[in-house]
Protein backbone atom coordinates (compact mmCIF):
# COMPACT_ATOMS: atom_id res chain seq x y z
CA MET A 1 60.88 142.95 53.06
CA GLU A 2 57.19 143.17 53.93
CA ALA A 3 54.83 140.47 55.17
CA HIS A 4 52.30 139.40 52.54
CA LYS A 5 49.05 137.45 52.54
CA LEU A 6 49.15 133.71 53.06
CA GLN A 7 50.01 131.73 49.92
CA PRO A 8 49.78 127.91 49.94
CA THR A 9 52.99 126.02 49.31
CA ALA A 10 53.23 123.94 46.14
CA VAL A 11 54.64 120.90 47.97
CA PRO A 12 54.14 120.58 51.76
CA TYR A 13 57.21 119.50 53.72
CA ARG A 14 58.58 119.27 57.25
CA ALA A 15 61.95 120.25 58.63
CA LEU A 16 64.52 117.69 59.72
CA ARG A 17 65.74 117.61 63.33
CA LEU A 18 69.48 118.05 62.82
CA VAL A 19 70.40 117.74 66.51
CA ASN A 20 68.71 117.75 69.91
CA THR A 21 69.66 120.80 72.00
CA LYS A 22 67.94 120.05 75.31
CA ASP A 23 71.12 119.24 77.26
CA MET A 24 73.60 120.77 74.84
CA GLU A 25 76.33 123.10 76.12
CA ARG A 26 76.36 126.60 74.62
CA GLU A 27 79.77 126.10 72.98
CA GLU A 28 78.58 122.93 71.22
CA TRP A 29 75.43 124.73 70.07
CA LEU A 30 77.55 127.55 68.61
CA LYS A 31 79.62 124.98 66.69
CA ILE A 32 76.44 123.49 65.19
CA ARG A 33 75.33 126.96 64.10
CA LYS A 34 78.49 127.32 62.03
CA GLN A 35 77.31 124.49 59.77
CA GLY A 36 74.78 126.73 58.07
CA ILE A 37 72.68 129.89 58.11
CA GLY A 38 70.34 130.02 61.09
CA SER A 39 67.22 132.14 61.27
CA SER A 40 68.97 134.76 63.41
CA ASP A 41 71.74 134.86 60.76
CA ALA A 42 69.39 135.37 57.82
CA ALA A 43 69.16 139.17 57.84
CA ALA A 44 72.94 139.55 58.17
CA ALA A 45 73.48 137.01 55.38
CA ILE A 46 71.50 139.15 52.93
CA GLY A 47 72.82 142.49 54.20
CA LEU A 48 69.73 143.66 56.12
CA ASN A 49 70.88 143.33 59.74
CA PRO A 50 71.53 146.82 61.21
CA TYR A 51 73.89 145.34 63.82
CA LYS A 52 75.91 142.73 61.92
CA SER A 53 77.47 142.85 58.44
CA GLN A 54 77.89 140.04 55.93
CA LEU A 55 81.63 140.22 56.51
CA GLU A 56 81.32 139.71 60.28
CA LEU A 57 78.92 136.80 59.76
CA TRP A 58 81.31 135.28 57.18
CA MET A 59 84.13 135.46 59.73
CA GLU A 60 81.97 133.58 62.23
CA LYS A 61 80.99 130.88 59.74
CA THR A 62 84.58 130.35 58.55
CA GLY A 63 86.10 130.20 62.04
CA ARG A 64 87.85 133.59 61.85
CA ASP A 65 85.89 135.14 64.71
CA LYS A 66 88.34 134.45 67.54
CA GLU A 67 89.25 138.14 67.91
CA LEU A 68 85.72 139.44 67.38
CA PRO A 69 83.99 140.71 70.54
CA LYS A 70 81.58 138.10 71.88
CA PRO A 71 78.40 138.89 73.83
CA ASP A 72 78.59 137.74 77.45
CA PRO A 73 75.46 135.66 78.15
CA ASP A 74 75.75 136.60 81.85
CA ASP A 75 76.02 140.37 81.30
CA ASP A 76 72.76 141.74 82.71
CA THR A 77 73.38 145.14 81.09
CA ALA A 78 73.12 143.69 77.58
CA PRO A 79 69.82 143.42 75.65
CA VAL A 80 70.61 139.81 74.67
CA PHE A 81 70.67 138.83 78.37
CA TRP A 82 67.16 140.15 79.02
CA GLY A 83 65.92 138.71 75.74
CA THR A 84 66.90 135.25 77.00
CA VAL A 85 65.58 135.78 80.52
CA LEU A 86 62.24 137.18 79.39
CA GLU A 87 61.62 134.78 76.49
CA PRO A 88 59.59 132.26 78.56
CA ILE A 89 57.60 135.10 80.13
CA VAL A 90 56.76 136.51 76.70
CA ALA A 91 55.69 133.02 75.57
CA VAL A 92 53.42 132.54 78.59
CA GLN A 93 51.80 135.96 78.15
CA TYR A 94 51.33 135.32 74.45
CA ALA A 95 49.49 132.09 75.26
CA LYS A 96 47.25 133.93 77.74
CA LYS A 97 46.55 136.77 75.31
CA THR A 98 45.78 134.61 72.26
CA GLY A 99 44.57 131.35 73.79
CA ASN A 100 47.10 129.47 71.68
CA LYS A 101 49.08 126.61 73.22
CA VAL A 102 52.84 126.75 72.78
CA ARG A 103 55.71 124.35 73.47
CA ARG A 104 59.48 124.37 73.16
CA ILE A 105 61.31 122.67 70.30
CA ASN A 106 64.66 121.60 71.71
CA ALA A 107 66.36 121.06 68.37
CA VAL A 108 68.23 122.71 65.54
CA LEU A 109 66.00 122.25 62.51
CA GLN A 110 67.28 121.73 58.96
CA HIS A 111 65.65 122.24 55.57
CA PRO A 112 64.77 118.80 54.10
CA ASP A 113 66.05 119.69 50.61
CA PRO A 114 69.64 118.31 50.34
CA ASP A 115 70.57 121.31 48.19
CA LEU A 116 69.51 123.60 51.04
CA HIS A 117 71.14 121.62 53.85
CA TRP A 118 72.78 124.84 55.09
CA MET A 119 69.40 126.37 55.97
CA LEU A 120 69.00 125.88 59.73
CA ALA A 121 66.58 127.26 62.29
CA ASN A 122 66.02 127.48 66.03
CA ILE A 123 62.36 128.07 66.86
CA ASP A 124 61.46 129.82 70.13
CA ARG A 125 58.11 128.02 70.42
CA GLU A 126 55.82 125.85 68.34
CA VAL A 127 52.14 126.83 68.34
CA ASN A 128 49.89 123.79 68.70
CA GLY A 129 46.25 123.31 67.73
CA SER A 130 45.85 126.47 65.65
CA PRO A 131 45.06 126.22 61.93
CA GLU A 132 46.18 129.83 61.43
CA VAL A 133 49.65 129.96 63.00
CA GLN A 134 52.34 127.39 63.82
CA ILE A 135 55.43 129.31 65.06
CA LEU A 136 56.00 131.85 67.84
CA GLU A 137 59.01 134.17 67.80
CA CYS A 138 59.58 135.97 71.12
CA LYS A 139 61.21 139.40 71.22
CA THR A 140 61.94 142.12 73.76
CA ALA A 141 62.52 145.78 73.01
CA GLY A 142 63.90 148.29 75.49
CA ILE A 143 63.27 152.02 75.53
CA ASN A 144 65.73 152.62 72.69
CA GLY A 145 64.75 149.58 70.65
CA ALA A 146 61.02 150.31 70.90
CA ARG A 147 61.29 152.89 68.10
CA LEU A 148 62.10 150.10 65.64
CA TRP A 149 58.65 148.59 66.27
CA LYS A 150 56.53 151.72 65.72
CA GLU A 151 55.74 150.73 62.13
CA GLY A 152 55.32 147.02 62.93
CA VAL A 153 57.85 144.20 62.73
CA PRO A 154 61.34 145.48 61.78
CA GLU A 155 62.61 144.25 58.44
CA TYR A 156 65.45 142.18 59.89
CA VAL A 157 62.98 140.33 62.15
CA GLN A 158 60.66 139.71 59.19
CA VAL A 159 63.60 138.11 57.37
CA GLN A 160 64.36 135.96 60.43
CA VAL A 161 60.78 134.69 60.61
CA MET A 162 60.45 134.13 56.86
CA HIS A 163 63.62 132.01 57.08
CA GLN A 164 61.96 129.94 59.82
CA LEU A 165 58.90 129.42 57.62
CA ALA A 166 61.18 128.44 54.73
CA VAL A 167 63.02 125.83 56.80
CA THR A 168 59.96 124.34 58.51
CA GLY A 169 57.41 124.43 55.69
CA LYS A 170 54.96 126.14 58.06
CA GLN A 171 52.39 128.67 56.89
CA ALA A 172 52.45 131.47 59.47
CA ALA A 173 54.23 132.77 62.55
CA ASP A 174 53.37 135.18 65.32
CA VAL A 175 55.95 137.63 66.61
CA ALA A 176 55.30 138.57 70.24
CA VAL A 177 57.34 141.54 71.43
CA LEU A 178 57.50 142.91 74.97
CA ILE A 179 58.05 146.66 74.60
CA ALA A 180 59.75 148.57 77.42
CA GLY A 181 58.90 145.76 79.83
CA GLN A 182 55.20 146.57 80.01
CA GLN A 183 53.44 146.28 76.64
CA LEU A 184 53.00 143.03 74.72
CA GLU A 185 52.31 143.36 70.99
CA VAL A 186 51.60 140.44 68.65
CA PHE A 187 52.17 140.58 64.88
CA ARG A 188 51.31 137.93 62.30
CA ILE A 189 53.66 137.08 59.43
CA ASP A 190 52.28 134.81 56.72
CA ARG A 191 54.33 132.64 54.44
CA ASP A 192 55.11 134.20 51.07
CA GLU A 193 56.57 131.91 48.41
CA THR A 194 57.94 134.75 46.29
CA MET A 195 59.71 136.29 49.25
CA ILE A 196 61.07 132.91 50.35
CA ALA A 197 62.44 132.24 46.85
CA GLN A 198 64.20 135.61 46.91
CA LEU A 199 65.53 134.97 50.40
CA ILE A 200 66.89 131.55 49.48
CA GLU A 201 68.64 132.95 46.41
CA LEU A 202 70.31 135.72 48.43
CA GLU A 203 71.30 133.31 51.20
CA LYS A 204 72.77 130.97 48.56
CA GLN A 205 75.01 133.80 47.41
CA PHE A 206 76.25 134.34 50.96
CA TRP A 207 76.78 130.63 51.59
CA HIS A 208 78.82 130.49 48.38
CA TYR A 209 81.16 133.03 50.01
CA VAL A 210 81.50 130.61 52.95
CA GLU A 211 82.01 127.47 50.85
CA THR A 212 84.61 129.13 48.61
CA ASP A 213 86.29 130.89 51.56
CA THR A 214 85.77 134.24 49.80
CA PRO A 215 85.12 137.29 51.99
CA PRO A 216 82.02 139.29 50.98
CA PRO A 217 82.51 143.00 50.27
CA ALA A 218 82.54 145.37 53.25
CA ASP A 219 79.40 147.53 53.42
CA GLY A 220 80.58 150.65 55.26
CA SER A 221 79.00 149.65 58.58
CA ALA A 222 80.64 149.73 62.01
CA SER A 223 80.37 145.93 62.02
CA ALA A 224 82.34 145.66 58.76
CA ASP A 225 84.96 148.09 60.10
CA GLN A 226 85.41 145.95 63.20
CA ALA A 227 85.55 142.78 61.11
CA LEU A 228 88.30 144.22 58.89
CA ARG A 229 90.35 145.23 61.94
CA CYS A 230 90.09 141.69 63.29
CA LEU A 231 90.68 140.07 59.91
CA PHE A 232 93.80 142.15 59.17
CA PRO A 233 95.11 143.28 62.59
CA ARG A 234 98.69 144.00 61.45
CA ASP A 235 100.60 145.09 58.36
CA ASP A 236 103.66 143.37 56.89
CA GLY A 237 105.49 146.37 55.45
CA GLU A 238 104.70 145.50 51.82
CA VAL A 239 103.97 148.33 49.36
CA LEU A 240 101.05 147.26 47.17
CA ASP A 241 101.03 148.76 43.67
CA LEU A 242 97.42 149.34 42.59
CA THR A 243 98.13 151.88 39.86
CA ASP A 244 96.84 149.48 37.19
CA ASN A 245 93.51 148.87 38.96
CA PRO A 246 90.97 151.43 37.60
CA GLU A 247 88.23 150.51 40.11
CA LEU A 248 90.42 150.97 43.18
CA ASN A 249 92.02 154.12 41.78
CA GLN A 250 88.55 155.58 41.35
CA ALA A 251 87.66 154.59 44.93
CA TYR A 252 90.83 156.32 46.14
CA GLU A 253 90.01 159.55 44.29
CA GLU A 254 86.39 159.50 45.50
CA LEU A 255 87.52 158.94 49.08
CA LYS A 256 89.89 161.90 48.90
CA GLN A 257 87.13 164.11 47.50
CA ILE A 258 84.66 163.05 50.20
CA ARG A 259 87.27 163.72 52.91
CA ARG A 260 87.77 167.23 51.51
CA GLU A 261 84.01 167.86 51.44
CA ILE A 262 83.64 166.61 55.02
CA ALA A 263 86.43 168.90 56.20
CA GLU A 264 84.77 171.87 54.48
CA GLN A 265 81.38 171.02 55.99
CA GLU A 266 82.89 170.61 59.47
CA LYS A 267 84.56 174.03 59.16
CA LEU A 268 81.26 175.59 58.07
CA GLU A 269 79.43 173.86 60.94
CA ALA A 270 81.93 175.24 63.47
CA SER A 271 81.63 178.74 62.03
CA LEU A 272 77.81 178.73 62.20
CA LYS A 273 77.88 177.29 65.72
CA GLN A 274 80.29 179.97 66.90
CA LYS A 275 78.18 182.70 65.27
CA LEU A 276 75.18 181.62 67.33
CA GLN A 277 77.26 181.26 70.51
CA GLN A 278 78.66 184.77 70.06
CA ALA A 279 75.16 186.16 69.64
CA MET A 280 73.90 184.32 72.75
CA GLY A 281 76.64 185.54 75.06
CA GLU A 282 75.66 184.41 78.57
CA ALA A 283 72.12 183.40 77.59
CA SER A 284 71.17 179.78 78.27
CA LYS A 285 68.74 179.37 75.38
CA ALA A 286 68.00 180.97 72.02
CA VAL A 287 64.71 180.54 70.16
CA PHE A 288 64.27 180.64 66.38
CA THR A 289 61.32 180.34 64.01
CA SER A 290 61.90 176.61 63.51
CA GLY A 291 63.44 175.51 66.83
CA PHE A 292 65.90 176.43 69.56
CA VAL A 293 69.43 175.86 70.85
CA THR A 294 70.76 175.70 74.40
CA TRP A 295 74.22 176.53 75.74
CA ARG A 296 74.44 175.56 79.39
CA LYS A 297 77.34 174.88 81.71
CA ALA A 298 77.64 171.33 82.99
CA LYS A 299 77.94 170.77 86.73
CA ASP A 300 81.42 170.65 88.22
CA SER A 301 82.59 167.14 89.02
CA LEU A 302 85.48 165.43 90.75
CA THR A 303 87.80 163.25 88.67
CA PHE A 304 90.63 160.91 89.55
CA ASN A 305 94.05 162.50 88.91
CA SER A 306 96.12 159.48 87.94
CA SER A 307 99.06 161.64 86.85
CA ALA A 308 99.39 163.15 90.34
CA LEU A 309 99.11 159.72 91.94
CA LEU A 310 101.90 158.27 89.79
CA LYS A 311 104.04 161.30 90.48
CA ASP A 312 103.74 160.71 94.24
CA LEU A 313 103.90 156.90 93.98
CA PRO A 314 105.87 156.13 90.80
CA HIS A 315 106.40 152.45 91.73
CA LEU A 316 102.70 151.81 91.04
CA GLN A 317 103.23 152.52 87.32
CA GLN A 318 105.05 149.23 86.72
CA LYS A 319 102.91 147.23 89.12
CA TYR A 320 99.59 148.07 87.46
CA GLN A 321 100.52 148.65 83.85
CA GLU A 322 98.89 146.54 81.15
CA LEU A 323 99.52 145.98 77.48
CA ARG A 324 97.31 147.93 75.09
CA LYS A 325 97.37 146.37 71.65
CA GLY A 326 98.16 148.75 68.83
CA SER A 327 95.78 149.09 65.93
CA ARG A 328 96.34 149.97 62.29
CA ARG A 329 95.72 153.58 61.24
CA PHE A 330 94.35 154.31 57.79
CA LEU A 331 95.91 157.55 56.47
CA ILE A 332 95.39 159.20 53.08
CA ASN A 333 98.13 161.07 51.24
């Protein structure tokens, strides 16, 4: 989805304040979020979030997320931690850079249309006194995440902001992103009625999955794989006869063919790699017309020999053992 020029709304409206969040505990806030699709859920709801699938989001909204890994808000090695810590700093610097005044909105906002009651939004900051922009979305991007911002606002963030504009009835939002801790960029996203109509329709389809308790199809992502493992952690021994299902039989045959092709490609890759290694011998680097390869020895390192320790002190095995849950293996015959 791309940002378009400002288009006036047919009927101006304002969002409802569903609940005040100023003194709300995090767990209570998370419960409120399950009542609808928030702005940070929007991209996942329509299948455009690179980090979260529709299936994982559906599990969260239907209360099946108990076994899903949860981000630790106090983990200072996680991007989400620094996003929270640096949000007020980004807001202050945005105000200095643009001259716009901003303030917090301590509330979960709700679309005023009763048919769209499931459209919720948390706004980082409201922009006051500007006829051009009314919402500020604060972002941080580390060294790895900075690449996503080279061409402007990433698509999943555009969806998030367009959802905010849809809920609030506002006309424009600024996205302020702190890149690698030292560069503040500001991007403008204007309201687009056509895009909002498309977004609402796609979000309706996802919310229908939630209301009917129907899981959306898995999309091949790591998130969907993890969701399936949590949704179906164990097997019951049943043999399921799918011989009369043409669609699933075709999927089975295609999967087998792809597995064969992958195995052939991996064998070819290994052969070509070994051909180059054999030609290099003890050389560290080989140069070609279009690039180069290196083959260097890593430094020696010391490792902990747990096997030797348990051999000398076998009683420690029972004292420090822990249960490792088994997982289901998917094998093809």
